Amino acid sequence: MQIAVAGSIATDILMTFPGRFKDQFLEEQMHKVSLSFLVDELVVHRGGVAANICYGMAQLGRPSLLVGSVGSDFAEYGAALTEAGVDVSHVRICDNVHTARFTCTTDLDANQIASFYTGAMAESRELDLGAIHAATGGIDLVLIGADDPAGMLKHTELARQHGIAIAADPSQQLARMDGDAIRSLIDGAAYLFSNEYEAGLMVQKTGWSHDEILAKVGVRVTTHGGDGVIIENADGIITKVPAVPAPGLVDPTGGGDAFRAGYLTGRANGLEHEVSAQIGCTLATTVLETVGTQEYTLDRAKFLERMSNAYGADAADTAAAALNLG
């Protein structure tokens, strides 16, 4: 199965606030918030949802096509992804703008306040998924993640025209898009990814109930943070998978992307939903214990040991055999 991942490619600027955001807000003045947080730490890392997912898949030995738009400052980033095993040959280079930037501050409770500069991402609508499909011998599944909204809609339409299965993952762009656009993105998707909050936002914005959304997609995958993930379809819940404990949590950024990388890798290798989600949850914890979304190199033995401890030896053995991780 050939998987393409279309979405943001960005530089992450991550900061840590040694307090709690909730202690700084005045309820009676929430309509005119003016706050500045003195942070103790700042790091700059490679990120963006599409690049994070492709990197995670590469760590698990699964090749994928990265589809997105970047600036002329992408050379070093692109070289690092290529070295990791990600195909960046279909990334669009824009000479007149910077690669997108994600700026995020995390407090002691792992709450986050973030902003996102689109930069070159705004030109992802210029990409032609149909041409990439033809040039690569055929894409079987494309994950359409948070990106330029017009680009997301174009990718979705072209995927339908060319018979490419879609994994809809609008995530951060749900706040930007209206109900019509969201309905267009998710209707008919083979997979629909979101976290629990985003699932509620989809219901509010589309006007479709939870059950109506289930009737319009093949499989719905909803992450619940520390409570794990629920996978369901129109017939009901397929499986519930608990999260892998993360005692060494240092940065929540990128955990959802890592889960998607693991889950899709499992599915692409013929595994059932439950084991695929277990792989995803285990990889997510690896990222949660690392500062930066692509700063880890997977230790396969430790990965399988952690998966075995969380889900049992049979699950780890199944993953090892299917993904050739032994």
Protein backbone atom coordinates (compact mmCIF):
# COMPACT_ATOMS: atom_id res chain seq x y z
CA MET A 1 0.00 0.00 0.00
CA GLN A 2 1.39 3.39 -0.99
CA ILE A 3 0.45 6.15 1.46
CA ALA A 4 0.75 9.88 0.84
CA VAL A 5 0.51 12.37 3.67
CA ALA A 6 -0.63 15.87 2.70
CA GLY A 7 -0.49 18.62 5.27
CA SER A 8 1.64 21.18 7.02
CA ILE A 9 5.42 21.16 7.04
CA ALA A 10 6.70 23.61 9.61
CA THR A 11 9.38 24.72 11.99
CA ASP A 12 8.31 24.35 15.64
CA ILE A 13 9.35 26.98 18.16
CA LEU A 14 8.60 25.41 21.54
CA MET A 15 8.70 27.20 24.89
CA THR A 16 8.05 26.16 28.48
CA PHE A 17 6.23 28.30 31.06
CA PRO A 18 7.04 27.24 34.68
CA GLY A 19 3.53 27.96 35.92
CA ARG A 20 -0.10 27.31 35.08
CA PHE A 21 -2.00 29.31 32.48
CA LYS A 22 -5.25 28.95 34.45
CA ASP A 23 -3.76 30.91 37.36
CA GLN A 24 -3.12 33.92 35.11
CA PHE A 25 -6.62 34.41 33.72
CA LEU A 26 -9.14 36.74 35.37
CA GLU A 27 -12.66 35.52 34.68
CA GLU A 28 -14.18 39.00 34.79
CA GLN A 29 -11.66 40.28 32.23
CA MET A 30 -11.58 37.46 29.73
CA HIS A 31 -12.95 39.80 27.06
CA LYS A 32 -9.74 41.86 27.14
CA VAL A 33 -6.90 39.46 27.89
CA SER A 34 -3.41 40.96 27.78
CA LEU A 35 -0.78 38.53 29.00
CA SER A 36 2.89 37.83 28.48
CA PHE A 37 4.51 34.65 29.78
CA LEU A 38 8.17 34.68 30.81
CA VAL A 39 9.44 31.30 29.64
CA ASP A 40 12.41 29.32 30.90
CA GLU A 41 13.21 27.33 27.80
CA LEU A 42 13.07 27.74 24.03
CA VAL A 43 13.94 25.11 21.45
CA VAL A 44 13.52 25.05 17.68
CA HIS A 45 12.63 21.78 15.98
CA ARG A 46 11.32 20.41 12.70
CA GLY A 47 7.56 19.82 12.69
CA GLY A 48 4.26 20.12 10.85
CA VAL A 49 1.62 17.41 10.95
CA ALA A 50 2.42 15.83 7.57
CA ALA A 51 6.17 15.76 8.14
CA ASN A 52 5.71 14.40 11.67
CA ILE A 53 3.51 11.55 10.43
CA CYS A 54 5.87 10.66 7.59
CA TYR A 55 8.84 10.73 9.96
CA GLY A 56 7.05 8.40 12.39
CA MET A 57 6.17 5.98 9.63
CA ALA A 58 9.78 5.99 8.44
CA GLN A 59 10.94 5.14 11.97
CA LEU A 60 8.68 2.09 11.82
CA GLY A 61 10.13 1.12 8.45
CA ARG A 62 7.17 2.24 6.34
CA PRO A 63 7.89 4.53 3.34
CA SER A 64 5.47 7.33 2.56
CA LEU A 65 5.14 10.33 0.24
CA LEU A 66 5.24 13.76 1.85
CA VAL A 67 2.98 16.25 0.08
CA GLY A 68 3.17 19.90 1.08
CA SER A 69 4.51 23.35 0.34
CA VAL A 70 7.65 24.87 1.88
CA GLY A 71 9.90 27.91 1.58
CA SER A 72 13.42 28.29 0.24
CA ASP A 73 14.71 27.64 3.79
CA PHE A 74 13.71 23.96 3.55
CA ALA A 75 17.01 22.53 2.30
CA GLU A 76 18.40 21.40 5.66
CA TYR A 77 15.01 20.18 6.85
CA GLY A 78 14.43 18.27 3.62
CA ALA A 79 17.84 16.62 3.83
CA ALA A 80 17.08 15.43 7.36
CA LEU A 81 13.75 13.92 6.27
CA THR A 82 15.37 12.23 3.29
CA GLU A 83 18.04 10.73 5.54
CA ALA A 84 15.29 9.43 7.83
CA GLY A 85 13.64 7.66 4.88
CA VAL A 86 10.89 10.11 3.87
CA ASP A 87 10.22 10.77 0.17
CA VAL A 88 10.25 14.58 -0.21
CA SER A 89 10.44 14.61 -4.02
CA HIS A 90 6.88 15.91 -4.32
CA VAL A 91 7.22 18.77 -1.84
CA ARG A 92 6.65 22.15 -3.51
CA ILE A 93 9.36 24.79 -2.95
CA CYS A 94 8.23 28.44 -2.81
CA ASP A 95 11.09 30.92 -3.20
CA ASN A 96 9.30 34.02 -1.94
CA VAL A 97 8.16 32.99 1.56
CA HIS A 98 9.35 31.10 4.63
CA THR A 99 8.34 27.59 5.59
CA ALA A 100 5.40 27.66 8.01
CA ARG A 101 6.16 28.21 11.70
CA PHE A 102 4.38 26.84 14.76
CA THR A 103 5.03 28.76 18.00
CA CYS A 104 3.83 27.05 21.18
CA THR A 105 4.13 27.61 24.93
CA THR A 106 3.42 24.71 27.32
CA ASP A 107 2.66 25.10 31.03
CA LEU A 108 3.19 22.75 33.98
CA ASP A 109 -0.13 20.98 33.33
CA ALA A 110 0.84 20.34 29.67
CA ASN A 111 -1.72 22.92 28.52
CA GLN A 112 -0.65 24.81 25.43
CA ILE A 113 -1.11 28.23 23.85
CA ALA A 114 0.04 28.34 20.26
CA SER A 115 0.00 30.34 17.05
CA PHE A 116 0.74 29.28 13.50
CA TYR A 117 2.27 31.31 10.66
CA THR A 118 1.21 29.80 7.34
CA GLY A 119 4.02 31.07 5.11
CA ALA A 120 4.56 28.71 2.17
CA MET A 121 1.77 26.46 3.40
CA ALA A 122 -0.70 28.91 1.85
CA GLU A 123 0.50 27.76 -1.57
CA SER A 124 -0.21 24.07 -1.05
CA ARG A 125 -3.35 24.59 -3.14
CA GLU A 126 -0.99 24.76 -6.13
CA LEU A 127 -0.05 21.09 -5.68
CA ASP A 128 -1.70 18.57 -7.99
CA LEU A 129 -2.41 15.32 -6.15
CA GLY A 130 -3.59 13.73 -9.40
CA ALA A 131 -0.24 14.39 -11.06
CA ILE A 132 1.59 12.97 -8.03
CA HIS A 133 -0.68 9.93 -8.16
CA ALA A 134 0.25 9.35 -11.82
CA ALA A 135 3.97 10.05 -11.33
CA THR A 136 4.35 7.60 -8.44
CA GLY A 137 2.50 4.66 -9.95
CA GLY A 138 -0.60 5.16 -7.85
CA ILE A 139 -1.43 6.33 -4.32
CA ASP A 140 -3.64 3.92 -2.38
CA LEU A 141 -4.42 6.15 0.61
CA VAL A 142 -3.86 9.84 1.25
CA LEU A 143 -4.09 11.37 4.69
CA ILE A 144 -5.30 14.94 4.27
CA GLY A 145 -4.18 16.77 7.38
CA ALA A 146 -4.20 20.36 8.59
CA ASP A 147 -2.96 22.58 5.78
CA ASP A 148 -4.08 25.54 3.71
CA PRO A 149 -7.89 25.07 3.77
CA ALA A 150 -8.23 25.58 0.01
CA GLY A 151 -5.45 23.05 -0.51
CA MET A 152 -7.19 20.52 1.75
CA LEU A 153 -10.40 20.84 -0.25
CA LYS A 154 -8.54 20.54 -3.56
CA HIS A 155 -6.64 17.45 -2.39
CA THR A 156 -9.92 15.88 -1.26
CA GLU A 157 -11.64 16.51 -4.58
CA LEU A 158 -8.69 15.21 -6.63
CA ALA A 159 -8.44 12.11 -4.44
CA ARG A 160 -12.09 11.36 -5.14
CA GLN A 161 -11.63 11.91 -8.86
CA HIS A 162 -8.70 9.49 -8.98
CA GLY A 163 -10.20 6.84 -6.70
CA ILE A 164 -7.70 7.38 -3.88
CA ALA A 165 -8.95 6.40 -0.43
CA ILE A 166 -8.96 9.35 2.00
CA ALA A 167 -8.01 9.60 5.65
CA ALA A 168 -9.56 12.92 6.71
CA ASP A 169 -7.70 14.64 9.53
CA PRO A 170 -8.70 18.34 9.60
CA SER A 171 -7.60 18.81 13.25
CA GLN A 172 -6.35 22.38 13.84
CA GLN A 173 -8.14 23.74 10.78
CA LEU A 174 -11.57 22.92 12.19
CA ALA A 175 -11.48 26.29 13.95
CA ARG A 176 -10.88 28.06 10.64
CA MET A 177 -13.29 26.19 8.36
CA ASP A 178 -17.07 26.46 8.14
CA GLY A 179 -19.57 23.63 8.17
CA ASP A 180 -19.80 23.27 4.39
CA ALA A 181 -16.03 22.87 4.05
CA ILE A 182 -15.80 20.38 6.91
CA ARG A 183 -18.65 18.32 5.48
CA SER A 184 -16.85 18.23 2.13
CA LEU A 185 -13.63 17.03 3.76
CA ILE A 186 -15.09 14.16 5.76
CA ASP A 187 -17.98 12.87 3.66
CA GLY A 188 -16.98 9.51 2.19
CA ALA A 189 -13.59 9.31 3.92
CA ALA A 190 -12.22 5.82 4.55
CA TYR A 191 -10.86 7.07 7.89
CA LEU A 192 -11.70 10.10 10.02
CA PHE A 193 -9.17 11.16 12.66
CA SER A 194 -9.75 13.64 15.47
CA ASN A 195 -9.28 14.11 19.18
CA GLU A 196 -12.23 14.20 21.56
CA TYR A 197 -12.61 18.00 21.49
CA GLU A 198 -12.39 18.14 17.70
CA ALA A 199 -15.05 15.43 17.46
CA GLY A 200 -17.46 17.69 19.34
CA LEU A 201 -16.49 20.67 17.22
CA MET A 202 -17.25 18.68 14.06
CA VAL A 203 -20.74 17.93 15.33
CA GLN A 204 -21.33 21.60 16.14
CA LYS A 205 -20.01 22.95 12.84
CA THR A 206 -21.37 20.36 10.41
CA GLY A 207 -24.78 20.03 12.02
CA TRP A 208 -24.36 16.27 11.74
CA SER A 209 -24.77 14.12 14.84
CA HIS A 210 -22.10 11.68 15.95
CA ASP A 211 -24.06 8.81 14.41
CA GLU A 212 -24.63 10.72 11.17
CA ILE A 213 -20.90 11.32 10.84
CA LEU A 214 -20.24 7.61 11.46
CA ALA A 215 -22.63 6.79 8.63
CA LYS A 216 -20.64 8.96 6.23
CA VAL A 217 -17.15 7.54 6.89
CA GLY A 218 -15.62 4.09 6.90
CA VAL A 219 -13.82 4.15 10.25
CA ARG A 220 -13.70 6.88 12.87
CA VAL A 221 -10.61 7.11 15.09
CA THR A 222 -10.94 9.39 18.11
CA THR A 223 -8.02 9.96 20.46
CA HIS A 224 -8.70 10.75 24.11
CA GLY A 225 -5.26 11.74 25.37
CA GLY A 226 -4.30 9.77 28.45
CA ASP A 227 -7.52 7.75 28.15
CA GLY A 228 -6.43 6.15 24.89
CA VAL A 229 -8.34 5.84 21.63
CA ILE A 230 -11.75 4.68 20.44
CA ILE A 231 -12.16 3.20 16.96
CA GLU A 232 -15.69 2.78 15.60
CA ASN A 233 -17.81 2.54 12.49
CA ALA A 234 -21.51 2.71 11.69
CA ASP A 235 -22.03 -0.69 13.33
CA GLY A 236 -20.56 0.44 16.65
CA ILE A 237 -17.28 0.40 18.53
CA ILE A 238 -14.60 -1.74 16.89
CA THR A 239 -12.10 -1.45 19.73
CA LYS A 240 -10.99 0.69 22.65
CA VAL A 241 -7.27 0.86 23.27
CA PRO A 242 -5.81 2.39 26.45
CA ALA A 243 -2.88 4.77 26.22
CA VAL A 244 0.63 3.67 27.09
CA PRO A 245 1.73 5.33 30.37
CA ALA A 246 4.18 8.16 29.83
CA PRO A 247 5.98 8.68 33.17
CA GLY A 248 8.69 10.65 31.40
CA LEU A 249 6.31 13.12 29.72
CA VAL A 250 8.19 16.25 28.72
CA ASP A 251 6.28 17.67 25.72
CA PRO A 252 2.77 16.81 24.44
CA THR A 253 3.43 18.25 20.98
CA GLY A 254 3.28 15.66 18.22
CA GLY A 255 1.73 12.80 20.16
CA GLY A 256 -1.33 12.71 17.90
CA ASP A 257 0.81 12.72 14.77
CA ALA A 258 2.87 9.82 16.11
CA PHE A 259 -0.30 7.87 16.86
CA ARG A 260 -1.47 8.34 13.28
CA ALA A 261 1.92 7.23 11.99
CA GLY A 262 1.81 4.03 14.02
CA TYR A 263 -1.82 3.25 13.34
CA LEU A 264 -1.53 3.79 9.57
CA THR A 265 1.69 1.75 9.46
CA GLY A 266 -0.08 -1.10 11.16
CA ARG A 267 -3.07 -0.93 8.83
CA ALA A 268 -0.83 -0.67 5.75
CA ASN A 269 0.91 -3.84 6.89
CA GLY A 270 -2.36 -5.74 7.16
CA LEU A 271 -2.86 -5.55 10.92
CA GLU A 272 -6.23 -5.30 12.65
CA HIS A 273 -7.42 -2.03 14.14
CA GLU A 274 -6.57 -2.99 17.73
CA VAL A 275 -2.91 -3.89 17.17
CA SER A 276 -2.51 -0.94 14.80
CA ALA A 277 -3.82 1.41 17.51
CA GLN A 278 -1.52 -0.21 20.06
CA ILE A 279 1.45 0.52 17.78
CA GLY A 280 0.20 4.08 17.44
CA CYS A 281 -0.20 4.58 21.19
CA THR A 282 3.26 3.16 21.87
CA LEU A 283 4.88 5.44 19.31
CA ALA A 284 2.93 8.41 20.69
CA THR A 285 4.39 7.83 24.16
CA THR A 286 7.88 7.72 22.66
CA VAL A 287 7.27 11.20 21.23
CA LEU A 288 5.67 12.52 24.42
CA GLU A 289 8.88 11.69 26.25
CA THR A 290 10.96 13.62 23.73
CA VAL A 291 11.22 17.40 23.29
CA GLY A 292 10.42 17.94 19.63
CA THR A 293 8.30 15.93 17.24
CA GLN A 294 11.11 14.47 15.12
CA GLU A 295 13.96 14.37 17.60
CA TYR A 296 13.71 10.67 18.41
CA THR A 297 15.31 7.65 16.78
CA LEU A 298 13.24 4.56 17.43
CA ASP A 299 14.93 1.91 19.54
CA ARG A 300 13.03 -1.10 18.22
CA ALA A 301 13.85 -3.40 21.13
CA LYS A 302 12.68 -0.84 23.70
CA PHE A 303 9.63 -0.05 21.59
CA LEU A 304 8.57 -3.70 21.52
CA GLU A 305 9.32 -4.13 25.22
CA ARG A 306 7.14 -1.14 26.05
CA MET A 307 4.37 -2.42 23.79
CA SER A 308 4.60 -5.85 25.43
CA ASN A 309 4.39 -4.33 28.91
CA ALA A 310 1.33 -2.30 27.95
CA TYR A 311 -0.60 -4.74 25.78
CA GLY A 312 0.98 -8.16 26.21
CA ALA A 313 3.61 -10.23 24.46
CA ASP A 314 1.24 -11.43 21.74
CA ALA A 315 0.54 -7.86 20.59
CA ALA A 316 4.24 -7.03 20.51
CA ASP A 317 5.07 -10.24 18.65
CA THR A 318 2.36 -9.54 16.08
CA ALA A 319 3.67 -6.03 15.50
CA ALA A 320 7.28 -7.21 15.30
CA ALA A 321 6.44 -9.82 12.67
CA ALA A 322 4.24 -7.57 10.52
CA LEU A 323 6.57 -4.55 10.65
CA ASN A 324 9.81 -6.55 10.64
CA LEU A 325 10.89 -4.89 13.88
CA GLY A 326 12.50 -7.92 15.45
